[in-house]
Amino acid sequence: IYLQANLHVTYSAQTASITNDGINNLNYRISQLADEFENS
């Protein structure tokens, strides 16, 4: 199982809801999830 990180958006495409900091936080949590499951 490959958990792919979400792509960032451009600086100008960031909004109040979608920011690259928010994407980084989500990607970090997804990377931790890979450690919870074997062969991921």
ModelCIF file with pLDDT and N, C-alpha, C, O atoms, coordinates in Angstrom:
data_MODEL
#
_entry.id   MODEL 
#
_entity.id                         1 
_entity.type                       polymer 
_entity.pdbx_number_of_molecules   1 
#
_entity_poly.entity_id                      1 
_entity_poly.type                           'polypeptide(L)' 
_entity_poly.nstd_linkage                   no 
_entity_poly.nstd_monomer                   no 
_entity_poly.pdbx_seq_one_letter_code       IYLQANLHVTYSAQTASITNDGINNLNYRISQLADEFENS 
_entity_poly.pdbx_seq_one_letter_code_can   IYLQANLHVTYSAQTASITNDGINNLNYRISQLADEFENS 
_entity_poly.pdbx_strand_id                 A 
#
loop_
_entity_poly_seq.entity_id 
_entity_poly_seq.num 
_entity_poly_seq.mon_id 
_entity_poly_seq.hetero 
1 1  ILE n 
1 2  TYR n 
1 3  LEU n 
1 4  GLN n 
1 5  ALA n 
1 6  ASN n 
1 7  LEU n 
1 8  HIS n 
1 9  VAL n 
1 10 THR n 
1 11 TYR n 
1 12 SER n 
1 13 ALA n 
1 14 GLN n 
1 15 THR n 
1 16 ALA n 
1 17 SER n 
1 18 ILE n 
1 19 THR n 
1 20 ASN n 
1 21 ASP n 
1 22 GLY n 
1 23 ILE n 
1 24 ASN n 
1 25 ASN n 
1 26 LEU n 
1 27 ASN n 
1 28 TYR n 
1 29 ARG n 
1 30 ILE n 
1 31 SER n 
1 32 GLN n 
1 33 LEU n 
1 34 ALA n 
1 35 ASP n 
1 36 GLU n 
1 37 PHE n 
1 38 GLU n 
1 39 ASN n 
1 40 SER n 
#
_struct_asym.id          A 
_struct_asym.entity_id   1 
#
loop_
_ma_qa_metric.id 
_ma_qa_metric.mode 
_ma_qa_metric.name 
_ma_qa_metric.software_group_id 
_ma_qa_metric.type 
1 global pLDDT . pLDDT 
2 local  pLDDT . pLDDT 
#
_ma_qa_metric_global.metric_id      1 
_ma_qa_metric_global.metric_value   96.20 
_ma_qa_metric_global.model_id       1 
_ma_qa_metric_global.ordinal_id     1 
#
loop_
_ma_qa_metric_local.label_asym_id 
_ma_qa_metric_local.label_comp_id 
_ma_qa_metric_local.label_seq_id 
_ma_qa_metric_local.metric_id 
_ma_qa_metric_local.metric_value 
_ma_qa_metric_local.model_id 
_ma_qa_metric_local.ordinal_id 
A ILE 1  2 97.00 1 1  
A TYR 2  2 98.00 1 2  
A LEU 3  2 98.00 1 3  
A GLN 4  2 98.00 1 4  
A ALA 5  2 97.00 1 5  
A ASN 6  2 97.00 1 6  
A LEU 7  2 97.00 1 7  
A HIS 8  2 98.00 1 8  
A VAL 9  2 98.00 1 9  
A THR 10 2 98.00 1 10 
A TYR 11 2 97.00 1 11 
A SER 12 2 96.00 1 12 
A ALA 13 2 96.00 1 13 
A GLN 14 2 96.00 1 14 
A THR 15 2 95.00 1 15 
A ALA 16 2 93.00 1 16 
A SER 17 2 92.00 1 17 
A ILE 18 2 94.00 1 18 
A THR 19 2 96.00 1 19 
A ASN 20 2 97.00 1 20 
A ASP 21 2 97.00 1 21 
A GLY 22 2 97.00 1 22 
A ILE 23 2 97.00 1 23 
A ASN 24 2 97.00 1 24 
A ASN 25 2 97.00 1 25 
A LEU 26 2 97.00 1 26 
A ASN 27 2 97.00 1 27 
A TYR 28 2 97.00 1 28 
A ARG 29 2 97.00 1 29 
A ILE 30 2 97.00 1 30 
A SER 31 2 97.00 1 31 
A GLN 32 2 96.00 1 32 
A LEU 33 2 95.00 1 33 
A ALA 34 2 95.00 1 34 
A ASP 35 2 94.00 1 35 
A GLU 36 2 94.00 1 36 
A PHE 37 2 96.00 1 37 
A GLU 38 2 93.00 1 38 
A ASN 39 2 94.00 1 39 
A SER 40 2 96.00 1 40 
#
loop_
_atom_site.group_PDB 
_atom_site.id 
_atom_site.type_symbol 
_atom_site.label_atom_id 
_atom_site.label_alt_id 
_atom_site.label_comp_id 
_atom_site.label_asym_id 
_atom_site.label_entity_id 
_atom_site.label_seq_id 
_atom_site.pdbx_PDB_ins_code 
_atom_site.Cartn_x 
_atom_site.Cartn_y 
_atom_site.Cartn_z 
_atom_site.occupancy 
_atom_site.B_iso_or_equiv 
_atom_site.pdbx_formal_charge 
_atom_site.auth_seq_id 
_atom_site.auth_comp_id 
_atom_site.auth_asym_id 
_atom_site.auth_atom_id 
_atom_site.pdbx_PDB_model_num 
ATOM 1   N N  . ILE A 1 1  ? 0.846  -1.196 0.000  1.00 97.00 ? 1  ILE A N  1 
ATOM 2   C CA . ILE A 1 1  ? 0.000  0.000  0.000  1.00 97.00 ? 1  ILE A CA 1 
ATOM 3   C C  . ILE A 1 1  ? 0.880  1.244  0.000  1.00 97.00 ? 1  ILE A C  1 
ATOM 4   O O  . ILE A 1 1  ? 1.748  1.398  0.859  1.00 97.00 ? 1  ILE A O  1 
ATOM 5   N N  . TYR A 1 2  ? 0.655  2.121  -0.957 1.00 98.00 ? 2  TYR A N  1 
ATOM 6   C CA . TYR A 1 2  ? 1.368  3.388  -1.038 1.00 98.00 ? 2  TYR A CA 1 
ATOM 7   C C  . TYR A 1 2  ? 0.391  4.514  -0.693 1.00 98.00 ? 2  TYR A C  1 
ATOM 8   O O  . TYR A 1 2  ? -0.599 4.721  -1.395 1.00 98.00 ? 2  TYR A O  1 
ATOM 9   N N  . LEU A 1 3  ? 0.671  5.230  0.381  1.00 98.00 ? 3  LEU A N  1 
ATOM 10  C CA . LEU A 1 3  ? -0.110 6.405  0.735  1.00 98.00 ? 3  LEU A CA 1 
ATOM 11  C C  . LEU A 1 3  ? 0.615  7.622  0.159  1.00 98.00 ? 3  LEU A C  1 
ATOM 12  O O  . LEU A 1 3  ? 1.690  7.997  0.627  1.00 98.00 ? 3  LEU A O  1 
ATOM 13  N N  . GLN A 1 4  ? 0.014  8.230  -0.858 1.00 98.00 ? 4  GLN A N  1 
ATOM 14  C CA . GLN A 1 4  ? 0.645  9.361  -1.523 1.00 98.00 ? 4  GLN A CA 1 
ATOM 15  C C  . GLN A 1 4  ? 0.301  10.670 -0.818 1.00 98.00 ? 4  GLN A C  1 
ATOM 16  O O  . GLN A 1 4  ? -0.847 10.906 -0.443 1.00 98.00 ? 4  GLN A O  1 
ATOM 17  N N  . ALA A 1 5  ? 1.302  11.504 -0.647 1.00 97.00 ? 5  ALA A N  1 
ATOM 18  C CA . ALA A 1 5  ? 1.069  12.830 -0.081 1.00 97.00 ? 5  ALA A CA 1 
ATOM 19  C C  . ALA A 1 5  ? 0.223  13.654 -1.042 1.00 97.00 ? 5  ALA A C  1 
ATOM 20  O O  . ALA A 1 5  ? 0.323  13.506 -2.260 1.00 97.00 ? 5  ALA A O  1 
ATOM 21  N N  . ASN A 1 6  ? -0.601 14.514 -0.483 1.00 97.00 ? 6  ASN A N  1 
ATOM 22  C CA . ASN A 1 6  ? -1.372 15.444 -1.313 1.00 97.00 ? 6  ASN A CA 1 
ATOM 23  C C  . ASN A 1 6  ? -0.461 16.520 -1.877 1.00 97.00 ? 6  ASN A C  1 
ATOM 24  O O  . ASN A 1 6  ? 0.412  17.037 -1.179 1.00 97.00 ? 6  ASN A O  1 
ATOM 25  N N  . LEU A 1 7  ? -0.667 16.851 -3.134 1.00 97.00 ? 7  LEU A N  1 
ATOM 26  C CA . LEU A 1 7  ? 0.111  17.929 -3.744 1.00 97.00 ? 7  LEU A CA 1 
ATOM 27  C C  . LEU A 1 7  ? -0.208 19.261 -3.073 1.00 97.00 ? 7  LEU A C  1 
ATOM 28  O O  . LEU A 1 7  ? -1.338 19.511 -2.654 1.00 97.00 ? 7  LEU A O  1 
ATOM 29  N N  . HIS A 1 8  ? 0.803  20.098 -2.982 1.00 98.00 ? 8  HIS A N  1 
ATOM 30  C CA . HIS A 1 8  ? 0.577  21.472 -2.541 1.00 98.00 ? 8  HIS A CA 1 
ATOM 31  C C  . HIS A 1 8  ? -0.163 22.248 -3.625 1.00 98.00 ? 8  HIS A C  1 
ATOM 32  O O  . HIS A 1 8  ? -0.285 21.783 -4.759 1.00 98.00 ? 8  HIS A O  1 
ATOM 33  N N  . VAL A 1 9  ? -0.644 23.400 -3.278 1.00 98.00 ? 9  VAL A N  1 
ATOM 34  C CA . VAL A 1 9  ? -1.219 24.330 -4.246 1.00 98.00 ? 9  VAL A CA 1 
ATOM 35  C C  . VAL A 1 9  ? -0.264 25.511 -4.372 1.00 98.00 ? 9  VAL A C  1 
ATOM 36  O O  . VAL A 1 9  ? 0.661  25.662 -3.573 1.00 98.00 ? 9  VAL A O  1 
ATOM 37  N N  . THR A 1 10 ? -0.494 26.346 -5.380 1.00 98.00 ? 10 THR A N  1 
ATOM 38  C CA . THR A 1 10 ? 0.351  27.527 -5.527 1.00 98.00 ? 10 THR A CA 1 
ATOM 39  C C  . THR A 1 10 ? 0.057  28.503 -4.393 1.00 98.00 ? 10 THR A C  1 
ATOM 40  O O  . THR A 1 10 ? -0.959 28.396 -3.706 1.00 98.00 ? 10 THR A O  1 
ATOM 41  N N  . TYR A 1 11 ? 0.956  29.444 -4.217 1.00 97.00 ? 11 TYR A N  1 
ATOM 42  C CA . TYR A 1 11 ? 0.775  30.437 -3.147 1.00 97.00 ? 11 TYR A CA 1 
ATOM 43  C C  . TYR A 1 11 ? -0.528 31.198 -3.323 1.00 97.00 ? 11 TYR A C  1 
ATOM 44  O O  . TYR A 1 11 ? -1.254 31.433 -2.358 1.00 97.00 ? 11 TYR A O  1 
ATOM 45  N N  . SER A 1 12 ? -0.822 31.584 -4.566 1.00 96.00 ? 12 SER A N  1 
ATOM 46  C CA . SER A 1 12 ? -2.027 32.395 -4.820 1.00 96.00 ? 12 SER A CA 1 
ATOM 47  C C  . SER A 1 12 ? -3.302 31.570 -4.757 1.00 96.00 ? 12 SER A C  1 
ATOM 48  O O  . SER A 1 12 ? -4.387 32.137 -4.629 1.00 96.00 ? 12 SER A O  1 
ATOM 49  N N  . ALA A 1 13 ? -3.201 30.244 -4.844 1.00 96.00 ? 13 ALA A N  1 
ATOM 50  C CA . ALA A 1 13 ? -4.401 29.389 -4.821 1.00 96.00 ? 13 ALA A CA 1 
ATOM 51  C C  . ALA A 1 13 ? -4.835 29.049 -3.404 1.00 96.00 ? 13 ALA A C  1 
ATOM 52  O O  . ALA A 1 13 ? -5.892 28.448 -3.212 1.00 96.00 ? 13 ALA A O  1 
ATOM 53  N N  . GLN A 1 14 ? -4.040 29.420 -2.409 1.00 96.00 ? 14 GLN A N  1 
ATOM 54  C CA . GLN A 1 14 ? -4.430 29.152 -1.030 1.00 96.00 ? 14 GLN A CA 1 
ATOM 55  C C  . GLN A 1 14 ? -5.646 29.997 -0.646 1.00 96.00 ? 14 GLN A C  1 
ATOM 56  O O  . GLN A 1 14 ? -5.790 31.141 -1.075 1.00 96.00 ? 14 GLN A O  1 
ATOM 57  N N  . THR A 1 15 ? -6.501 29.410 0.161  1.00 95.00 ? 15 THR A N  1 
ATOM 58  C CA . THR A 1 15 ? -7.697 30.099 0.643  1.00 95.00 ? 15 THR A CA 1 
ATOM 59  C C  . THR A 1 15 ? -7.737 29.989 2.164  1.00 95.00 ? 15 THR A C  1 
ATOM 60  O O  . THR A 1 15 ? -6.826 29.440 2.784  1.00 95.00 ? 15 THR A O  1 
ATOM 61  N N  . ALA A 1 16 ? -8.788 30.510 2.743  1.00 93.00 ? 16 ALA A N  1 
ATOM 62  C CA . ALA A 1 16 ? -8.944 30.392 4.192  1.00 93.00 ? 16 ALA A CA 1 
ATOM 63  C C  . ALA A 1 16 ? -9.108 28.943 4.606  1.00 93.00 ? 16 ALA A C  1 
ATOM 64  O O  . ALA A 1 16 ? -8.761 28.576 5.729  1.00 93.00 ? 16 ALA A O  1 
ATOM 65  N N  . SER A 1 17 ? -9.634 28.110 3.712  1.00 92.00 ? 17 SER A N  1 
ATOM 66  C CA . SER A 1 17 ? -9.878 26.692 4.028  1.00 92.00 ? 17 SER A CA 1 
ATOM 67  C C  . SER A 1 17 ? -8.727 25.796 3.605  1.00 92.00 ? 17 SER A C  1 
ATOM 68  O O  . SER A 1 17 ? -8.397 24.836 4.303  1.00 92.00 ? 17 SER A O  1 
ATOM 69  N N  . ILE A 1 18 ? -8.116 26.098 2.473  1.00 94.00 ? 18 ILE A N  1 
ATOM 70  C CA . ILE A 1 18 ? -7.050 25.250 1.936  1.00 94.00 ? 18 ILE A CA 1 
ATOM 71  C C  . ILE A 1 18 ? -5.752 26.031 1.917  1.00 94.00 ? 18 ILE A C  1 
ATOM 72  O O  . ILE A 1 18 ? -5.595 26.973 1.140  1.00 94.00 ? 18 ILE A O  1 
ATOM 73  N N  . THR A 1 19 ? -4.837 25.644 2.761  1.00 96.00 ? 19 THR A N  1 
ATOM 74  C CA . THR A 1 19 ? -3.507 26.240 2.818  1.00 96.00 ? 19 THR A CA 1 
ATOM 75  C C  . THR A 1 19 ? -2.477 25.129 2.738  1.00 96.00 ? 19 THR A C  1 
ATOM 76  O O  . THR A 1 19 ? -2.775 23.968 3.018  1.00 96.00 ? 19 THR A O  1 
ATOM 77  N N  . ASN A 1 20 ? -1.271 25.492 2.357  1.00 97.00 ? 20 ASN A N  1 
ATOM 78  C CA . ASN A 1 20 ? -0.212 24.488 2.304  1.00 97.00 ? 20 ASN A CA 1 
ATOM 79  C C  . ASN A 1 20 ? 0.189  24.013 3.697  1.00 97.00 ? 20 ASN A C  1 
ATOM 80  O O  . ASN A 1 20 ? 0.638  22.879 3.864  1.00 97.00 ? 20 ASN A O  1 
ATOM 81  N N  . ASP A 1 21 ? 0.031  24.870 4.686  1.00 97.00 ? 21 ASP A N  1 
ATOM 82  C CA . ASP A 1 21 ? 0.273  24.414 6.060  1.00 97.00 ? 21 ASP A CA 1 
ATOM 83  C C  . ASP A 1 21 ? -0.745 23.343 6.445  1.00 97.00 ? 21 ASP A C  1 
ATOM 84  O O  . ASP A 1 21 ? -0.394 22.350 7.083  1.00 97.00 ? 21 ASP A O  1 
ATOM 85  N N  . GLY A 1 22 ? -1.989 23.541 6.062  1.00 97.00 ? 22 GLY A N  1 
ATOM 86  C CA . GLY A 1 22 ? -3.013 22.543 6.332  1.00 97.00 ? 22 GLY A CA 1 
ATOM 87  C C  . GLY A 1 22 ? -2.751 21.248 5.586  1.00 97.00 ? 22 GLY A C  1 
ATOM 88  O O  . GLY A 1 22 ? -2.963 20.162 6.126  1.00 97.00 ? 22 GLY A O  1 
ATOM 89  N N  . ILE A 1 23 ? -2.287 21.358 4.337  1.00 97.00 ? 23 ILE A N  1 
ATOM 90  C CA . ILE A 1 23 ? -1.950 20.175 3.546  1.00 97.00 ? 23 ILE A CA 1 
ATOM 91  C C  . ILE A 1 23 ? -0.778 19.440 4.182  1.00 97.00 ? 23 ILE A C  1 
ATOM 92  O O  . ILE A 1 23 ? -0.773 18.210 4.244  1.00 97.00 ? 23 ILE A O  1 
ATOM 93  N N  . ASN A 1 24 ? 0.219  20.191 4.657  1.00 97.00 ? 24 ASN A N  1 
ATOM 94  C CA . ASN A 1 24 ? 1.367  19.562 5.319  1.00 97.00 ? 24 ASN A CA 1 
ATOM 95  C C  . ASN A 1 24 ? 0.944  18.808 6.578  1.00 97.00 ? 24 ASN A C  1 
ATOM 96  O O  . ASN A 1 24 ? 1.441  17.716 6.852  1.00 97.00 ? 24 ASN A O  1 
ATOM 97  N N  . ASN A 1 25 ? 0.034  19.390 7.331  1.00 97.00 ? 25 ASN A N  1 
ATOM 98  C CA . ASN A 1 25 ? -0.445 18.734 8.541  1.00 97.00 ? 25 ASN A CA 1 
ATOM 99  C C  . ASN A 1 25 ? -1.168 17.434 8.202  1.00 97.00 ? 25 ASN A C  1 
ATOM 100 O O  . ASN A 1 25 ? -0.969 16.413 8.861  1.00 97.00 ? 25 ASN A O  1 
ATOM 101 N N  . LEU A 1 26 ? -2.011 17.480 7.169  1.00 97.00 ? 26 LEU A N  1 
ATOM 102 C CA . LEU A 1 26 ? -2.726 16.281 6.738  1.00 97.00 ? 26 LEU A CA 1 
ATOM 103 C C  . LEU A 1 26 ? -1.742 15.227 6.233  1.00 97.00 ? 26 LEU A C  1 
ATOM 104 O O  . LEU A 1 26 ? -1.873 14.046 6.557  1.00 97.00 ? 26 LEU A O  1 
ATOM 105 N N  . ASN A 1 27 ? -0.763 15.649 5.442  1.00 97.00 ? 27 ASN A N  1 
ATOM 106 C CA . ASN A 1 27 ? 0.230  14.705 4.928  1.00 97.00 ? 27 ASN A CA 1 
ATOM 107 C C  . ASN A 1 27 ? 1.014  14.048 6.056  1.00 97.00 ? 27 ASN A C  1 
ATOM 108 O O  . ASN A 1 27 ? 1.330  12.860 5.987  1.00 97.00 ? 27 ASN A O  1 
ATOM 109 N N  . TYR A 1 28 ? 1.327  14.815 7.089  1.00 97.00 ? 28 TYR A N  1 
ATOM 110 C CA . TYR A 1 28 ? 2.047  14.253 8.233  1.00 97.00 ? 28 TYR A CA 1 
ATOM 111 C C  . TYR A 1 28 ? 1.224  13.170 8.923  1.00 97.00 ? 28 TYR A C  1 
ATOM 112 O O  . TYR A 1 28 ? 1.752  12.118 9.282  1.00 97.00 ? 28 TYR A O  1 
ATOM 113 N N  . ARG A 1 29 ? -0.055 13.426 9.107  1.00 97.00 ? 29 ARG A N  1 
ATOM 114 C CA . ARG A 1 29 ? -0.913 12.436 9.748  1.00 97.00 ? 29 ARG A CA 1 
ATOM 115 C C  . ARG A 1 29 ? -1.051 11.199 8.869  1.00 97.00 ? 29 ARG A C  1 
ATOM 116 O O  . ARG A 1 29 ? -1.125 10.082 9.382  1.00 97.00 ? 29 ARG A O  1 
ATOM 117 N N  . ILE A 1 30 ? -1.087 11.384 7.563  1.00 97.00 ? 30 ILE A N  1 
ATOM 118 C CA . ILE A 1 30 ? -1.155 10.244 6.647  1.00 97.00 ? 30 ILE A CA 1 
ATOM 119 C C  . ILE A 1 30 ? 0.137  9.432  6.717  1.00 97.00 ? 30 ILE A C  1 
ATOM 120 O O  . ILE A 1 30 ? 0.098  8.203  6.655  1.00 97.00 ? 30 ILE A O  1 
ATOM 121 N N  . SER A 1 31 ? 1.281  10.107 6.846  1.00 97.00 ? 31 SER A N  1 
ATOM 122 C CA . SER A 1 31 ? 2.557  9.394  6.971  1.00 97.00 ? 31 SER A CA 1 
ATOM 123 C C  . SER A 1 31 ? 2.593  8.561  8.244  1.00 97.00 ? 31 SER A C  1 
ATOM 124 O O  . SER A 1 31 ? 3.163  7.470  8.247  1.00 97.00 ? 31 SER A O  1 
ATOM 125 N N  . GLN A 1 32 ? 1.999  9.049  9.319  1.00 96.00 ? 32 GLN A N  1 
ATOM 126 C CA . GLN A 1 32 ? 1.916  8.266  10.551 1.00 96.00 ? 32 GLN A CA 1 
ATOM 127 C C  . GLN A 1 32 ? 1.013  7.056  10.367 1.00 96.00 ? 32 GLN A C  1 
ATOM 128 O O  . GLN A 1 32 ? 1.259  6.002  10.954 1.00 96.00 ? 32 GLN A O  1 
ATOM 129 N N  . LEU A 1 33 ? -0.024 7.200  9.563  1.00 95.00 ? 33 LEU A N  1 
ATOM 130 C CA . LEU A 1 33 ? -0.931 6.090  9.306  1.00 95.00 ? 33 LEU A CA 1 
ATOM 131 C C  . LEU A 1 33 ? -0.214 4.949  8.600  1.00 95.00 ? 33 LEU A C  1 
ATOM 132 O O  . LEU A 1 33 ? -0.531 3.780  8.823  1.00 95.00 ? 33 LEU A O  1 
ATOM 133 N N  . ALA A 1 34 ? 0.741  5.281  7.760  1.00 95.00 ? 34 ALA A N  1 
ATOM 134 C CA . ALA A 1 34 ? 1.500  4.238  7.062  1.00 95.00 ? 34 ALA A CA 1 
ATOM 135 C C  . ALA A 1 34 ? 2.255  3.354  8.044  1.00 95.00 ? 34 ALA A C  1 
ATOM 136 O O  . ALA A 1 34 ? 2.470  2.171  7.779  1.00 95.00 ? 34 ALA A O  1 
ATOM 137 N N  . ASP A 1 35 ? 2.660  3.923  9.183  1.00 94.00 ? 35 ASP A N  1 
ATOM 138 C CA . ASP A 1 35 ? 3.381  3.137  10.192 1.00 94.00 ? 35 ASP A CA 1 
ATOM 139 C C  . ASP A 1 35 ? 2.460  2.200  10.966 1.00 94.00 ? 35 ASP A C  1 
ATOM 140 O O  . ASP A 1 35 ? 2.930  1.261  11.610 1.00 94.00 ? 35 ASP A O  1 
ATOM 141 N N  . GLU A 1 36 ? 1.166  2.446  10.908 1.00 94.00 ? 36 GLU A N  1 
ATOM 142 C CA . GLU A 1 36 ? 0.223  1.633  11.667 1.00 94.00 ? 36 GLU A CA 1 
ATOM 143 C C  . GLU A 1 36 ? -0.133 0.324  10.961 1.00 94.00 ? 36 GLU A C  1 
ATOM 144 O O  . GLU A 1 36 ? -0.593 -0.625 11.596 1.00 94.00 ? 36 GLU A O  1 
ATOM 145 N N  . PHE A 1 37 ? 0.080  0.280  9.658  1.00 96.00 ? 37 PHE A N  1 
ATOM 146 C CA . PHE A 1 37 ? -0.329 -0.889 8.883  1.00 96.00 ? 37 PHE A CA 1 
ATOM 147 C C  . PHE A 1 37 ? 0.891  -1.535 8.234  1.00 96.00 ? 37 PHE A C  1 
ATOM 148 O O  . PHE A 1 37 ? 1.770  -0.856 7.703  1.00 96.00 ? 37 PHE A O  1 
ATOM 149 N N  . GLU A 1 38 ? 0.918  -2.850 8.291  1.00 93.00 ? 38 GLU A N  1 
ATOM 150 C CA . GLU A 1 38 ? 2.037  -3.597 7.735  1.00 93.00 ? 38 GLU A CA 1 
ATOM 151 C C  . GLU A 1 38 ? 2.083  -3.451 6.216  1.00 93.00 ? 38 GLU A C  1 
ATOM 152 O O  . GLU A 1 38 ? 1.053  -3.380 5.546  1.00 93.00 ? 38 GLU A O  1 
ATOM 153 N N  . ASN A 1 39 ? 3.302  -3.409 5.698  1.00 94.00 ? 39 ASN A N  1 
ATOM 154 C CA . ASN A 1 39 ? 3.539  -3.343 4.254  1.00 94.00 ? 39 ASN A CA 1 
ATOM 155 C C  . ASN A 1 39 ? 2.905  -2.100 3.635  1.00 94.00 ? 39 ASN A C  1 
ATOM 156 O O  . ASN A 1 39 ? 2.406  -2.142 2.510  1.00 94.00 ? 39 ASN A O  1 
ATOM 157 N N  . SER A 1 40 ? 2.927  -0.990 4.381  1.00 96.00 ? 40 SER A N  1 
ATOM 158 C CA . SER A 1 40 ? 2.383  0.280  3.900  1.00 96.00 ? 40 SER A CA 1 
ATOM 159 C C  . SER A 1 40 ? 3.482  1.337  3.923  1.00 96.00 ? 40 SER A C  1 
ATOM 160 O O  . SER A 1 40 ? 3.241  2.487  3.557  1.00 96.00 ? 40 SER A O  1 
#
